[in-house]
């Protein structure tokens, strides 16, 4: 559980000061940032930063969570900010596509290309 708390702490610190200090930096959060973006509304209500729109330069690796977490994060940050991540072979994930085939194709290709600043060309 400490790892998830550390992900939360890092994400909230970034939300409070990181983007202002590094306006052009692409950021990838491991393990969906421990779902920290789901707490952004609560944080704002208690005087923290207000994050009305997803940051187009912030991406979330999908490792470590299942379909419900993916759907919740997609509602908050948008599917365009999710990138493929895996815990395999330590934890085998299902082949379920809870966001639909088109969104999962983008998570594995187009979103990654945007993150890396490259054009994705199908093999």
PDB file of N, CA and C in Angstrom:
ATOM      1  N   UNK A   1       0.821  -1.201   0.000  1.00  0.00           N
ATOM      2  CA  UNK A   1       0.000   0.000   0.000  1.00  0.00           C
ATOM      3  C   UNK A   1       0.861   1.260   0.000  1.00  0.00           C
ATOM      4  N   UNK A   2       2.082   1.152   0.493  1.00  0.00           N
ATOM      5  CA  UNK A   2       2.945   2.332   0.531  1.00  0.00           C
ATOM      6  C   UNK A   2       3.201   2.861  -0.875  1.00  0.00           C
ATOM      7  N   UNK A   3       3.375   1.950  -1.831  1.00  0.00           N
ATOM      8  CA  UNK A   3       3.628   2.346  -3.216  1.00  0.00           C
ATOM      9  C   UNK A   3       2.494   3.216  -3.760  1.00  0.00           C
ATOM     10  N   UNK A   4       1.272   2.822  -3.511  1.00  0.00           N
ATOM     11  CA  UNK A   4       0.112   3.596  -3.983  1.00  0.00           C
ATOM     12  C   UNK A   4       0.099   4.977  -3.319  1.00  0.00           C
ATOM     13  N   UNK A   5       0.394   5.039  -2.040  1.00  0.00           N
ATOM     14  CA  UNK A   5       0.454   6.327  -1.343  1.00  0.00           C
ATOM     15  C   UNK A   5       1.555   7.210  -1.923  1.00  0.00           C
ATOM     16  N   UNK A   6       2.672   6.613  -2.304  1.00  0.00           N
ATOM     17  CA  UNK A   6       3.751   7.380  -2.922  1.00  0.00           C
ATOM     18  C   UNK A   6       3.338   7.900  -4.294  1.00  0.00           C
ATOM     19  N   UNK A   7       2.600   7.088  -5.051  1.00  0.00           N
ATOM     20  CA  UNK A   7       2.082   7.544  -6.352  1.00  0.00           C
ATOM     21  C   UNK A   7       1.137   8.724  -6.159  1.00  0.00           C
ATOM     22  N   UNK A   8       0.262   8.628  -5.166  1.00  0.00           N
ATOM     23  CA  UNK A   8      -0.659   9.726  -4.858  1.00  0.00           C
ATOM     24  C   UNK A   8       0.112  10.992  -4.510  1.00  0.00           C
ATOM     25  N   UNK A   9       1.072  10.862  -3.649  1.00  0.00           N
ATOM     26  CA  UNK A   9       1.857  12.009  -3.200  1.00  0.00           C
ATOM     27  C   UNK A   9       2.554  12.690  -4.376  1.00  0.00           C
ATOM     28  N   UNK A  10       3.166  11.895  -5.231  1.00  0.00           N
ATOM     29  CA  UNK A  10       3.863  12.452  -6.398  1.00  0.00           C
ATOM     30  C   UNK A  10       2.888  13.144  -7.340  1.00  0.00           C
ATOM     31  N   UNK A  11       1.745  12.515  -7.599  1.00  0.00           N
ATOM     32  CA  UNK A  11       0.775  13.104  -8.517  1.00  0.00           C
ATOM     33  C   UNK A  11       0.226  14.421  -7.958  1.00  0.00           C
ATOM     34  N   UNK A  12      -0.098  14.450  -6.681  1.00  0.00           N
ATOM     35  CA  UNK A  12      -0.633  15.671  -6.077  1.00  0.00           C
ATOM     36  C   UNK A  12       0.420  16.775  -6.042  1.00  0.00           C
ATOM     37  N   UNK A  13       1.668  16.436  -5.796  1.00  0.00           N
ATOM     38  CA  UNK A  13       2.739  17.442  -5.831  1.00  0.00           C
ATOM     39  C   UNK A  13       2.878  18.007  -7.238  1.00  0.00           C
ATOM     40  N   UNK A  14       2.805  17.121  -8.242  1.00  0.00           N
ATOM     41  CA  UNK A  14       2.879  17.575  -9.627  1.00  0.00           C
ATOM     42  C   UNK A  14       1.697  18.500  -9.947  1.00  0.00           C
ATOM     43  N   UNK A  15       0.514  18.111  -9.517  1.00  0.00           N
ATOM     44  CA  UNK A  15      -0.681  18.927  -9.781  1.00  0.00           C
ATOM     45  C   UNK A  15      -0.551  20.304  -9.134  1.00  0.00           C
ATOM     46  N   UNK A  16       0.042  20.360  -7.961  1.00  0.00           N
ATOM     47  CA  UNK A  16       0.160  21.623  -7.235  1.00  0.00           C
ATOM     48  C   UNK A  16       1.239  22.530  -7.819  1.00  0.00           C
ATOM     49  N   UNK A  17       2.376  21.963  -8.246  1.00  0.00           N
ATOM     50  CA  UNK A  17       3.484  22.821  -8.659  1.00  0.00           C
ATOM     51  C   UNK A  17       4.244  22.354  -9.899  1.00  0.00           C
ATOM     52  N   UNK A  18       4.193  21.088 -10.209  1.00  0.00           N
ATOM     53  CA  UNK A  18       5.024  20.543 -11.277  1.00  0.00           C
ATOM     54  C   UNK A  18       4.756  21.094 -12.657  1.00  0.00           C
ATOM     55  N   UNK A  19       3.495  21.136 -13.047  1.00  0.00           N
ATOM     56  CA  UNK A  19       3.187  21.599 -14.412  1.00  0.00           C
ATOM     57  C   UNK A  19       3.601  23.051 -14.604  1.00  0.00           C
ATOM     58  N   UNK A  20       3.357  23.900 -13.611  1.00  0.00           N
ATOM     59  CA  UNK A  20       3.769  25.304 -13.733  1.00  0.00           C
ATOM     60  C   UNK A  20       5.280  25.423 -13.892  1.00  0.00           C
ATOM     61  N   UNK A  21       6.024  24.569 -13.202  1.00  0.00           N
ATOM     62  CA  UNK A  21       7.484  24.618 -13.271  1.00  0.00           C
ATOM     63  C   UNK A  21       8.028  24.009 -14.569  1.00  0.00           C
ATOM     64  N   UNK A  22       7.263  23.093 -15.168  1.00  0.00           N
ATOM     65  CA  UNK A  22       7.721  22.381 -16.372  1.00  0.00           C
ATOM     66  C   UNK A  22       6.581  22.301 -17.389  1.00  0.00           C
ATOM     67  N   UNK A  23       6.243  23.410 -18.011  1.00  0.00           N
ATOM     68  CA  UNK A  23       5.035  23.462 -18.851  1.00  0.00           C
ATOM     69  C   UNK A  23       5.057  22.598 -20.108  1.00  0.00           C
ATOM     70  N   UNK A  24       6.221  22.159 -20.563  1.00  0.00           N
ATOM     71  CA  UNK A  24       6.292  21.376 -21.806  1.00  0.00           C
ATOM     72  C   UNK A  24       6.672  19.916 -21.595  1.00  0.00           C
ATOM     73  N   UNK A  25       6.860  19.513 -20.360  1.00  0.00           N
ATOM     74  CA  UNK A  25       7.326  18.166 -20.057  1.00  0.00           C
ATOM     75  C   UNK A  25       6.208  17.138 -20.204  1.00  0.00           C
ATOM     76  N   UNK A  26       6.492  16.065 -20.948  1.00  0.00           N
ATOM     77  CA  UNK A  26       5.590  14.922 -21.004  1.00  0.00           C
ATOM     78  C   UNK A  26       5.839  14.077 -19.759  1.00  0.00           C
ATOM     79  N   UNK A  27       4.773  13.642 -19.099  1.00  0.00           N
ATOM     80  CA  UNK A  27       4.881  12.859 -17.878  1.00  0.00           C
ATOM     81  C   UNK A  27       4.081  11.573 -18.049  1.00  0.00           C
ATOM     82  N   UNK A  28       4.665  10.456 -17.625  1.00  0.00           N
ATOM     83  CA  UNK A  28       3.965   9.171 -17.617  1.00  0.00           C
ATOM     84  C   UNK A  28       3.877   8.714 -16.174  1.00  0.00           C
ATOM     85  N   UNK A  29       2.664   8.458 -15.738  1.00  0.00           N
ATOM     86  CA  UNK A  29       2.431   7.969 -14.379  1.00  0.00           C
ATOM     87  C   UNK A  29       2.268   6.457 -14.417  1.00  0.00           C
ATOM     88  N   UNK A  30       3.103   5.765 -13.662  1.00  0.00           N
ATOM     89  CA  UNK A  30       2.996   4.310 -13.554  1.00  0.00           C
ATOM     90  C   UNK A  30       1.709   3.951 -12.825  1.00  0.00           C
ATOM     91  N   UNK A  31       1.173   2.815 -13.167  1.00  0.00           N
ATOM     92  CA  UNK A  31       0.023   2.242 -12.455  1.00  0.00           C
ATOM     93  C   UNK A  31      -1.109   3.247 -12.254  1.00  0.00           C
ATOM     94  N   UNK A  32      -1.438   3.960 -13.326  1.00  0.00           N
ATOM     95  CA  UNK A  32      -2.539   4.940 -13.301  1.00  0.00           C
ATOM     96  C   UNK A  32      -2.393   5.960 -12.165  1.00  0.00           C
ATOM     97  N   UNK A  33      -1.134   6.238 -11.787  1.00  0.00           N
ATOM     98  CA  UNK A  33      -0.842   7.174 -10.686  1.00  0.00           C
ATOM     99  C   UNK A  33      -1.553   6.758  -9.403  1.00  0.00           C
ATOM    100  N   UNK A  34      -1.747   5.456  -9.256  1.00  0.00           N
ATOM    101  CA  UNK A  34      -2.437   4.959  -8.062  1.00  0.00           C
ATOM    102  C   UNK A  34      -3.868   5.457  -7.961  1.00  0.00           C
ATOM    103  N   UNK A  35      -4.442   5.837  -9.092  1.00  0.00           N
ATOM    104  CA  UNK A  35      -5.800   6.388  -9.187  1.00  0.00           C
ATOM    105  C   UNK A  35      -5.920   7.782  -8.553  1.00  0.00           C
ATOM    106  N   UNK A  36      -4.808   8.446  -8.331  1.00  0.00           N
ATOM    107  CA  UNK A  36      -4.820   9.775  -7.707  1.00  0.00           C
ATOM    108  C   UNK A  36      -5.727  10.775  -8.429  1.00  0.00           C
ATOM    109  N   UNK A  37      -5.807  10.771  -9.772  1.00  0.00           N
ATOM    110  CA  UNK A  37      -6.690  11.740 -10.426  1.00  0.00           C
ATOM    111  C   UNK A  37      -8.156  11.612 -10.003  1.00  0.00           C
ATOM    112  N   UNK A  38      -8.542  10.432  -9.510  1.00  0.00           N
ATOM    113  CA  UNK A  38      -9.917  10.268  -9.044  1.00  0.00           C
ATOM    114  C   UNK A  38     -10.183  11.095  -7.789  1.00  0.00           C
ATOM    115  N   UNK A  39      -9.126  11.544  -7.134  1.00  0.00           N
ATOM    116  CA  UNK A  39      -9.257  12.355  -5.923  1.00  0.00           C
ATOM    117  C   UNK A  39      -9.135  13.849  -6.190  1.00  0.00           C
ATOM    118  N   UNK A  40      -8.932  14.249  -7.432  1.00  0.00           N
ATOM    119  CA  UNK A  40      -8.711  15.658  -7.764  1.00  0.00           C
ATOM    120  C   UNK A  40      -9.888  16.541  -7.355  1.00  0.00           C
ATOM    121  N   UNK A  41     -11.098  16.066  -7.550  1.00  0.00           N
ATOM    122  CA  UNK A  41     -12.282  16.843  -7.183  1.00  0.00           C
ATOM    123  C   UNK A  41     -12.325  17.087  -5.675  1.00  0.00           C
ATOM    124  N   UNK A  42     -12.055  16.047  -4.907  1.00  0.00           N
ATOM    125  CA  UNK A  42     -12.044  16.172  -3.445  1.00  0.00           C
ATOM    126  C   UNK A  42     -10.941  17.126  -2.996  1.00  0.00           C
ATOM    127  N   UNK A  43      -9.771  17.005  -3.611  1.00  0.00           N
ATOM    128  CA  UNK A  43      -8.650  17.873  -3.265  1.00  0.00           C
ATOM    129  C   UNK A  43      -8.995  19.338  -3.541  1.00  0.00           C
ATOM    130  N   UNK A  44      -9.599  19.607  -4.679  1.00  0.00           N
ATOM    131  CA  UNK A  44      -9.976  20.983  -5.034  1.00  0.00           C
ATOM    132  C   UNK A  44     -10.985  21.558  -4.041  1.00  0.00           C
ATOM    133  N   UNK A  45     -11.926  20.744  -3.602  1.00  0.00           N
ATOM    134  CA  UNK A  45     -12.923  21.205  -2.634  1.00  0.00           C
ATOM    135  C   UNK A  45     -12.310  21.567  -1.289  1.00  0.00           C
ATOM    136  N   UNK A  46     -11.112  21.074  -1.045  1.00  0.00           N
ATOM    137  CA  UNK A  46     -10.436  21.334   0.227  1.00  0.00           C
ATOM    138  C   UNK A  46      -9.267  22.307   0.074  1.00  0.00           C
ATOM    139  N   UNK A  47      -9.296  23.092  -0.987  1.00  0.00           N
ATOM    140  CA  UNK A  47      -8.302  24.141  -1.173  1.00  0.00           C
ATOM    141  C   UNK A  47      -7.124  23.787  -2.052  1.00  0.00           C
ATOM    142  N   UNK A  48      -7.101  22.578  -2.581  1.00  0.00           N
ATOM    143  CA  UNK A  48      -6.007  22.178  -3.471  1.00  0.00           C
ATOM    144  C   UNK A  48      -6.229  22.718  -4.867  1.00  0.00           C
ATOM    145  N   UNK A  49      -5.341  22.369  -5.786  1.00  0.00           N
ATOM    146  CA  UNK A  49      -5.472  22.869  -7.159  1.00  0.00           C
ATOM    147  C   UNK A  49      -6.751  22.370  -7.827  1.00  0.00           C
ATOM    148  N   UNK A  50      -7.343  23.225  -8.641  1.00  0.00           N
ATOM    149  CA  UNK A  50      -8.531  22.865  -9.405  1.00  0.00           C
ATOM    150  C   UNK A  50      -8.060  22.377 -10.768  1.00  0.00           C
ATOM    151  N   UNK A  51      -8.373  21.147 -11.084  1.00  0.00           N
ATOM    152  CA  UNK A  51      -7.956  20.553 -12.347  1.00  0.00           C
ATOM    153  C   UNK A  51      -9.193  20.258 -13.167  1.00  0.00           C
ATOM    154  N   UNK A  52      -9.658  21.263 -13.884  1.00  0.00           N
ATOM    155  CA  UNK A  52     -10.894  21.129 -14.648  1.00  0.00           C
ATOM    156  C   UNK A  52     -10.738  20.292 -15.910  1.00  0.00           C
ATOM    157  N   UNK A  53      -9.587  20.396 -16.544  1.00  0.00           N
ATOM    158  CA  UNK A  53      -9.357  19.700 -17.812  1.00  0.00           C
ATOM    159  C   UNK A  53      -8.176  18.755 -17.670  1.00  0.00           C
ATOM    160  N   UNK A  54      -8.233  17.600 -18.335  1.00  0.00           N
ATOM    161  CA  UNK A  54      -7.073  16.710 -18.329  1.00  0.00           C
ATOM    162  C   UNK A  54      -5.865  17.401 -18.962  1.00  0.00           C
ATOM    163  N   UNK A  55      -4.703  17.145 -18.449  1.00  0.00           N
ATOM    164  CA  UNK A  55      -3.449  17.689 -18.965  1.00  0.00           C
ATOM    165  C   UNK A  55      -3.041  16.860 -20.182  1.00  0.00           C
ATOM    166  N   UNK A  56      -2.978  17.443 -21.374  1.00  0.00           N
ATOM    167  CA  UNK A  56      -2.654  16.662 -22.570  1.00  0.00           C
ATOM    168  C   UNK A  56      -1.222  16.128 -22.598  1.00  0.00           C
ATOM    169  N   UNK A  57      -0.377  16.587 -21.696  1.00  0.00           N
ATOM    170  CA  UNK A  57       1.002  16.106 -21.639  1.00  0.00           C
ATOM    171  C   UNK A  57       1.224  15.105 -20.510  1.00  0.00           C
ATOM    172  N   UNK A  58       0.140  14.711 -19.839  1.00  0.00           N
ATOM    173  CA  UNK A  58       0.211  13.737 -18.759  1.00  0.00           C
ATOM    174  C   UNK A  58      -0.436  12.437 -19.222  1.00  0.00           C
ATOM    175  N   UNK A  59       0.295  11.342 -19.082  1.00  0.00           N
ATOM    176  CA  UNK A  59      -0.198  10.048 -19.521  1.00  0.00           C
ATOM    177  C   UNK A  59      -0.176   9.077 -18.347  1.00  0.00           C
ATOM    178  N   UNK A  60      -1.020   8.056 -18.430  1.00  0.00           N
ATOM    179  CA  UNK A  60      -1.189   7.102 -17.345  1.00  0.00           C
ATOM    180  C   UNK A  60      -1.037   5.694 -17.877  1.00  0.00           C
ATOM    181  N   UNK A  61      -0.024   4.985 -17.384  1.00  0.00           N
ATOM    182  CA  UNK A  61       0.204   3.606 -17.789  1.00  0.00           C
ATOM    183  C   UNK A  61      -0.826   2.730 -17.085  1.00  0.00           C
ATOM    184  N   UNK A  62      -1.397   1.807 -17.832  1.00  0.00           N
ATOM    185  CA  UNK A  62      -2.546   1.030 -17.362  1.00  0.00           C
ATOM    186  C   UNK A  62      -2.181  -0.177 -16.508  1.00  0.00           C
ATOM    187  N   UNK A  63      -0.912  -0.375 -16.197  1.00  0.00           N
ATOM    188  CA  UNK A  63      -0.526  -1.553 -15.415  1.00  0.00           C
ATOM    189  C   UNK A  63      -1.074  -1.492 -14.000  1.00  0.00           C
ATOM    190  N   UNK A  64      -1.337  -2.664 -13.464  1.00  0.00           N
ATOM    191  CA  UNK A  64      -1.687  -2.769 -12.062  1.00  0.00           C
ATOM    192  C   UNK A  64      -3.162  -2.657 -11.721  1.00  0.00           C
ATOM    193  N   UNK A  65      -4.000  -2.379 -12.683  1.00  0.00           N
ATOM    194  CA  UNK A  65      -5.424  -2.203 -12.399  1.00  0.00           C
ATOM    195  C   UNK A  65      -6.262  -2.941 -13.429  1.00  0.00           C
ATOM    196  N   UNK A  66      -7.530  -3.141 -13.091  1.00  0.00           N
ATOM    197  CA  UNK A  66      -8.441  -3.871 -13.951  1.00  0.00           C
ATOM    198  C   UNK A  66      -9.464  -2.982 -14.634  1.00  0.00           C
ATOM    199  N   UNK A  67     -10.492  -3.606 -15.182  1.00  0.00           N
ATOM    200  CA  UNK A  67     -11.491  -2.906 -15.993  1.00  0.00           C
ATOM    201  C   UNK A  67     -12.203  -1.752 -15.285  1.00  0.00           C
ATOM    202  N   UNK A  68     -12.577  -1.918 -14.029  1.00  0.00           N
ATOM    203  CA  UNK A  68     -13.297  -0.840 -13.330  1.00  0.00           C
ATOM    204  C   UNK A  68     -12.415   0.392 -13.167  1.00  0.00           C
ATOM    205  N   UNK A  69     -11.169   0.189 -12.795  1.00  0.00           N
ATOM    206  CA  UNK A  69     -10.248   1.317 -12.627  1.00  0.00           C
ATOM    207  C   UNK A  69      -9.992   2.003 -13.960  1.00  0.00           C
ATOM    208  N   UNK A  70      -9.835   1.226 -15.026  1.00  0.00           N
ATOM    209  CA  UNK A  70      -9.622   1.818 -16.353  1.00  0.00           C
ATOM    210  C   UNK A  70     -10.813   2.688 -16.759  1.00  0.00           C
ATOM    211  N   UNK A  71     -12.010   2.182 -16.529  1.00  0.00           N
ATOM    212  CA  UNK A  71     -13.205   2.959 -16.886  1.00  0.00           C
ATOM    213  C   UNK A  71     -13.286   4.245 -16.061  1.00  0.00           C
ATOM    214  N   UNK A  72     -12.999   4.147 -14.761  1.00  0.00           N
ATOM    215  CA  UNK A  72     -13.050   5.336 -13.901  1.00  0.00           C
ATOM    216  C   UNK A  72     -12.014   6.369 -14.336  1.00  0.00           C
ATOM    217  N   UNK A  73     -10.803   5.925 -14.614  1.00  0.00           N
ATOM    218  CA  UNK A  73      -9.764   6.863 -15.042  1.00  0.00           C
ATOM    219  C   UNK A  73     -10.098   7.474 -16.393  1.00  0.00           C
ATOM    220  N   UNK A  74     -10.654   6.685 -17.297  1.00  0.00           N
ATOM    221  CA  UNK A  74     -11.035   7.214 -18.601  1.00  0.00           C
ATOM    222  C   UNK A  74     -12.070   8.329 -18.444  1.00  0.00           C
ATOM    223  N   UNK A  75     -12.956   8.188 -17.471  1.00  0.00           N
ATOM    224  CA  UNK A  75     -13.955   9.240 -17.217  1.00  0.00           C
ATOM    225  C   UNK A  75     -13.299  10.528 -16.725  1.00  0.00           C
ATOM    226  N   UNK A  76     -12.218  10.427 -15.984  1.00  0.00           N
ATOM    227  CA  UNK A  76     -11.578  11.595 -15.394  1.00  0.00           C
ATOM    228  C   UNK A  76     -10.519  12.209 -16.309  1.00  0.00           C
ATOM    229  N   UNK A  77      -9.632  11.391 -16.865  1.00  0.00           N
ATOM    230  CA  UNK A  77      -8.529  11.930 -17.657  1.00  0.00           C
ATOM    231  C   UNK A  77      -8.733  11.763 -19.162  1.00  0.00           C
ATOM    232  N   UNK A  78      -9.700  10.955 -19.552  1.00  0.00           N
ATOM    233  CA  UNK A  78      -9.948  10.696 -20.971  1.00  0.00           C
ATOM    234  C   UNK A  78      -9.125   9.521 -21.475  1.00  0.00           C
ATOM    235  N   UNK A  79      -9.666   8.801 -22.424  1.00  0.00           N
ATOM    236  CA  UNK A  79      -8.948   7.643 -22.972  1.00  0.00           C
ATOM    237  C   UNK A  79      -7.697   8.072 -23.725  1.00  0.00           C
ATOM    238  N   UNK A  80      -7.652   9.304 -24.201  1.00  0.00           N
ATOM    239  CA  UNK A  80      -6.486   9.758 -24.968  1.00  0.00           C
ATOM    240  C   UNK A  80      -5.244   9.933 -24.101  1.00  0.00           C
ATOM    241  N   UNK A  81      -5.392   9.871 -22.785  1.00  0.00           N
ATOM    242  CA  UNK A  81      -4.247  10.034 -21.892  1.00  0.00           C
ATOM    243  C   UNK A  81      -3.786   8.708 -21.298  1.00  0.00           C
ATOM    244  N   UNK A  82      -4.406   7.626 -21.687  1.00  0.00           N
ATOM    245  CA  UNK A  82      -4.026   6.299 -21.201  1.00  0.00           C
ATOM    246  C   UNK A  82      -3.062   5.640 -22.175  1.00  0.00           C
ATOM    247  N   UNK A  83      -2.012   5.003 -21.635  1.00  0.00           N
ATOM    248  CA  UNK A  83      -1.054   4.265 -22.458  1.00  0.00           C
ATOM    249  C   UNK A  83      -0.884   2.867 -21.899  1.00  0.00           C
ATOM    250  N   UNK A  84      -0.607   1.936 -22.783  1.00  0.00           N
ATOM    251  CA  UNK A  84      -0.502   0.531 -22.390  1.00  0.00           C
ATOM    252  C   UNK A  84       0.633   0.314 -21.405  1.00  0.00           C
ATOM    253  N   UNK A  85       0.322  -0.418 -20.360  1.00  0.00           N
ATOM    254  CA  UNK A  85       1.305  -0.871 -19.391  1.00  0.00           C
ATOM    255  C   UNK A  85       0.875  -2.241 -18.920  1.00  0.00           C
ATOM    256  N   UNK A  86       1.817  -3.043 -18.475  1.00  0.00           N
ATOM    257  CA  UNK A  86       1.477  -4.393 -18.065  1.00  0.00           C
ATOM    258  C   UNK A  86       2.323  -4.838 -16.879  1.00  0.00           C
ATOM    259  N   UNK A  87       1.759  -5.712 -16.084  1.00  0.00           N
ATOM    260  CA  UNK A  87       2.485  -6.336 -14.984  1.00  0.00           C
ATOM    261  C   UNK A  87       2.902  -7.757 -15.356  1.00  0.00           C
ATOM    262  N   UNK A  88       2.631  -8.155 -16.575  1.00  0.00           N
ATOM    263  CA  UNK A  88       2.965  -9.497 -17.025  1.00  0.00           C
ATOM    264  C   UNK A  88       4.490  -9.651 -17.068  1.00  0.00           C
ATOM    265  N   UNK A  89       5.035 -10.725 -16.693  1.00  0.00           N
ATOM    266  CA  UNK A  89       4.435 -12.001 -16.346  1.00  0.00           C
ATOM    267  C   UNK A  89       4.130 -12.154 -14.859  1.00  0.00           C
ATOM    268  N   UNK A  90       4.387 -11.136 -14.053  1.00  0.00           N
ATOM    269  CA  UNK A  90       4.130 -11.246 -12.616  1.00  0.00           C
ATOM    270  C   UNK A  90       2.643 -11.417 -12.352  1.00  0.00           C
ATOM    271  N   UNK A  91       1.833 -10.589 -12.983  1.00  0.00           N
ATOM    272  CA  UNK A  91       0.378 -10.670 -12.867  1.00  0.00           C
ATOM    273  C   UNK A  91      -0.170 -10.755 -14.276  1.00  0.00           C
ATOM    274  N   UNK A  92      -0.874 -11.824 -14.563  1.00  0.00           N
ATOM    275  CA  UNK A  92      -1.457 -11.970 -15.892  1.00  0.00           C
ATOM    276  C   UNK A  92      -2.779 -11.228 -15.942  1.00  0.00           C
ATOM    277  N   UNK A  93      -2.955 -10.411 -16.953  1.00  0.00           N
ATOM    278  CA  UNK A  93      -4.207  -9.670 -17.095  1.00  0.00           C
ATOM    279  C   UNK A  93      -5.098 -10.375 -18.107  1.00  0.00           C
ATOM    280  N   UNK A  94      -6.370 -10.051 -18.027  1.00  0.00           N
ATOM    281  CA  UNK A  94      -7.315 -10.636 -18.973  1.00  0.00           C
ATOM    282  C   UNK A  94      -7.205  -9.904 -20.302  1.00  0.00           C
ATOM    283  N   UNK A  95      -7.795 -10.461 -21.312  1.00  0.00           N
ATOM    284  CA  UNK A  95      -7.817  -9.816 -22.622  1.00  0.00           C
ATOM    285  C   UNK A  95      -9.052  -8.952 -22.796  1.00  0.00           C
ATOM    286  N   UNK A  96      -9.743  -8.688 -21.700  1.00  0.00           N
ATOM    287  CA  UNK A  96     -10.948  -7.863 -21.739  1.00  0.00           C
ATOM    288  C   UNK A  96     -10.604  -6.444 -22.189  1.00  0.00           C
ATOM    289  N   UNK A  97     -11.473  -5.857 -22.981  1.00  0.00           N
ATOM    290  CA  UNK A  97     -11.287  -4.497 -23.472  1.00  0.00           C
ATOM    291  C   UNK A  97     -12.427  -3.631 -22.933  1.00  0.00           C
ATOM    292  N   UNK A  98     -12.354  -3.213 -21.666  1.00  0.00           N
ATOM    293  CA  UNK A  98     -13.485  -2.520 -21.038  1.00  0.00           C
ATOM    294  C   UNK A  98     -13.805  -1.156 -21.653  1.00  0.00           C
ATOM    295  N   UNK A  99     -12.884  -0.596 -22.409  1.00  0.00           N
ATOM    296  CA  UNK A  99     -13.136   0.710 -23.031  1.00  0.00           C
ATOM    297  C   UNK A  99     -13.483   0.580 -24.507  1.00  0.00           C
ATOM    298  N   UNK A 100     -13.550  -0.644 -24.988  1.00  0.00           N
ATOM    299  CA  UNK A 100     -13.861  -0.886 -26.389  1.00  0.00           C
ATOM    300  C   UNK A 100     -12.595  -1.050 -27.221  1.00  0.00           C
ATOM    301  N   UNK A 101     -12.732  -1.727 -28.334  1.00  0.00           N
ATOM    302  CA  UNK A 101     -11.580  -2.052 -29.178  1.00  0.00           C
ATOM    303  C   UNK A 101     -10.871  -0.811 -29.705  1.00  0.00           C
ATOM    304  N   UNK A 102     -11.618   0.198 -30.099  1.00  0.00           N
ATOM    305  CA  UNK A 102     -11.003   1.418 -30.650  1.00  0.00           C
ATOM    306  C   UNK A 102     -10.151   2.143 -29.602  1.00  0.00           C
ATOM    307  N   UNK A 103     -10.687   2.279 -28.400  1.00  0.00           N
ATOM    308  CA  UNK A 103      -9.928   2.942 -27.328  1.00  0.00           C
ATOM    309  C   UNK A 103      -8.680   2.142 -26.985  1.00  0.00           C
ATOM    310  N   UNK A 104      -8.791   0.831 -26.927  1.00  0.00           N
ATOM    311  CA  UNK A 104      -7.632   0.015 -26.580  1.00  0.00           C
ATOM    312  C   UNK A 104      -6.584   0.024 -27.680  1.00  0.00           C
ATOM    313  N   UNK A 105      -7.009   0.148 -28.927  1.00  0.00           N
ATOM    314  CA  UNK A 105      -6.030   0.299 -30.012  1.00  0.00           C
ATOM    315  C   UNK A 105      -5.254   1.605 -29.834  1.00  0.00           C
ATOM    316  N   UNK A 106      -5.951   2.675 -29.475  1.00  0.00           N
ATOM    317  CA  UNK A 106      -5.285   3.965 -29.251  1.00  0.00           C
ATOM    318  C   UNK A 106      -4.341   3.891 -28.055  1.00  0.00           C
ATOM    319  N   UNK A 107      -4.756   3.199 -27.007  1.00  0.00           N
ATOM    320  CA  UNK A 107      -3.925   3.055 -25.805  1.00  0.00           C
ATOM    321  C   UNK A 107      -2.612   2.351 -26.134  1.00  0.00           C
ATOM    322  N   UNK A 108      -2.646   1.439 -27.081  1.00  0.00           N
ATOM    323  CA  UNK A 108      -1.447   0.681 -27.441  1.00  0.00           C
ATOM    324  C   UNK A 108      -0.644   1.321 -28.568  1.00  0.00           C
ATOM    325  N   UNK A 109      -1.214   2.262 -29.292  1.00  0.00           N
ATOM    326  CA  UNK A 109      -0.495   2.803 -30.463  1.00  0.00           C
ATOM    327  C   UNK A 109      -0.502   4.329 -30.501  1.00  0.00           C
ATOM    328  N   UNK A 110      -1.626   4.903 -30.863  1.00  0.00           N
ATOM    329  CA  UNK A 110      -1.704   6.350 -31.086  1.00  0.00           C
ATOM    330  C   UNK A 110      -1.361   7.185 -29.867  1.00  0.00           C
ATOM    331  N   UNK A 111      -1.849   6.801 -28.700  1.00  0.00           N
ATOM    332  CA  UNK A 111      -1.549   7.560 -27.483  1.00  0.00           C
ATOM    333  C   UNK A 111      -0.058   7.484 -27.159  1.00  0.00           C
ATOM    334  N   UNK A 112       0.516   6.311 -27.361  1.00  0.00           N
ATOM    335  CA  UNK A 112       1.948   6.136 -27.115  1.00  0.00           C
ATOM    336  C   UNK A 112       2.750   7.002 -28.086  1.00  0.00           C
ATOM    337  N   UNK A 113       2.322   7.052 -29.324  1.00  0.00           N
ATOM    338  CA  UNK A 113       3.005   7.895 -30.315  1.00  0.00           C
ATOM    339  C   UNK A 113       2.940   9.370 -29.908  1.00  0.00           C
ATOM    340  N   UNK A 114       1.781   9.832 -29.416  1.00  0.00           N
ATOM    341  CA  UNK A 114       1.679  11.221 -28.951  1.00  0.00           C
ATOM    342  C   UNK A 114       2.593  11.464 -27.768  1.00  0.00           C
ATOM    343  N   UNK A 115       2.630  10.517 -26.855  1.00  0.00           N
ATOM    344  CA  UNK A 115       3.500  10.624 -25.688  1.00  0.00           C
ATOM    345  C   UNK A 115       4.954  10.791 -26.114  1.00  0.00           C
ATOM    346  N   UNK A 116       5.378   9.977 -27.053  1.00  0.00           N
ATOM    347  CA  UNK A 116       6.769   9.979 -27.483  1.00  0.00           C
ATOM    348  C   UNK A 116       7.061  11.021 -28.556  1.00  0.00           C
ATOM    349  N   UNK A 117       6.012  11.677 -29.046  1.00  0.00           N
ATOM    350  CA  UNK A 117       6.206  12.701 -30.068  1.00  0.00           C
ATOM    351  C   UNK A 117       6.605  12.118 -31.408  1.00  0.00           C
ATOM    352  N   UNK A 118       6.081  10.925 -31.711  1.00  0.00           N
ATOM    353  CA  UNK A 118       6.403  10.270 -32.970  1.00  0.00           C
ATOM    354  C   UNK A 118       5.117   9.930 -33.702  1.00  0.00           C
ATOM    355  N   UNK A 119       5.250   9.648 -34.949  1.00  0.00           N
ATOM    356  CA  UNK A 119       4.101   9.170 -35.721  1.00  0.00           C
ATOM    357  C   UNK A 119       4.061   7.655 -35.614  1.00  0.00           C
ATOM    358  N   UNK A 120       2.863   7.115 -35.393  1.00  0.00           N
ATOM    359  CA  UNK A 120       2.736   5.671 -35.321  1.00  0.00           C
ATOM    360  C   UNK A 120       2.385   5.145 -36.689  1.00  0.00           C
ATOM    361  N   UNK A 121       3.138   4.177 -37.144  1.00  0.00           N
ATOM    362  CA  UNK A 121       2.901   3.538 -38.437  1.00  0.00           C
ATOM    363  C   UNK A 121       2.643   2.068 -38.184  1.00  0.00           C
ATOM    364  N   UNK A 122       1.461   1.569 -38.594  1.00  0.00           N
ATOM    365  CA  UNK A 122       1.166   0.147 -38.354  1.00  0.00           C
ATOM    366  C   UNK A 122       2.202  -0.749 -39.016  1.00  0.00           C
ATOM    367  N   UNK A 123       2.518  -1.860 -38.380  1.00  0.00           N
ATOM    368  CA  UNK A 123       3.502  -2.812 -38.936  1.00  0.00           C
ATOM    369  C   UNK A 123       2.929  -3.540 -40.115  1.00  0.00           C
TER     370      UNK A 123
END
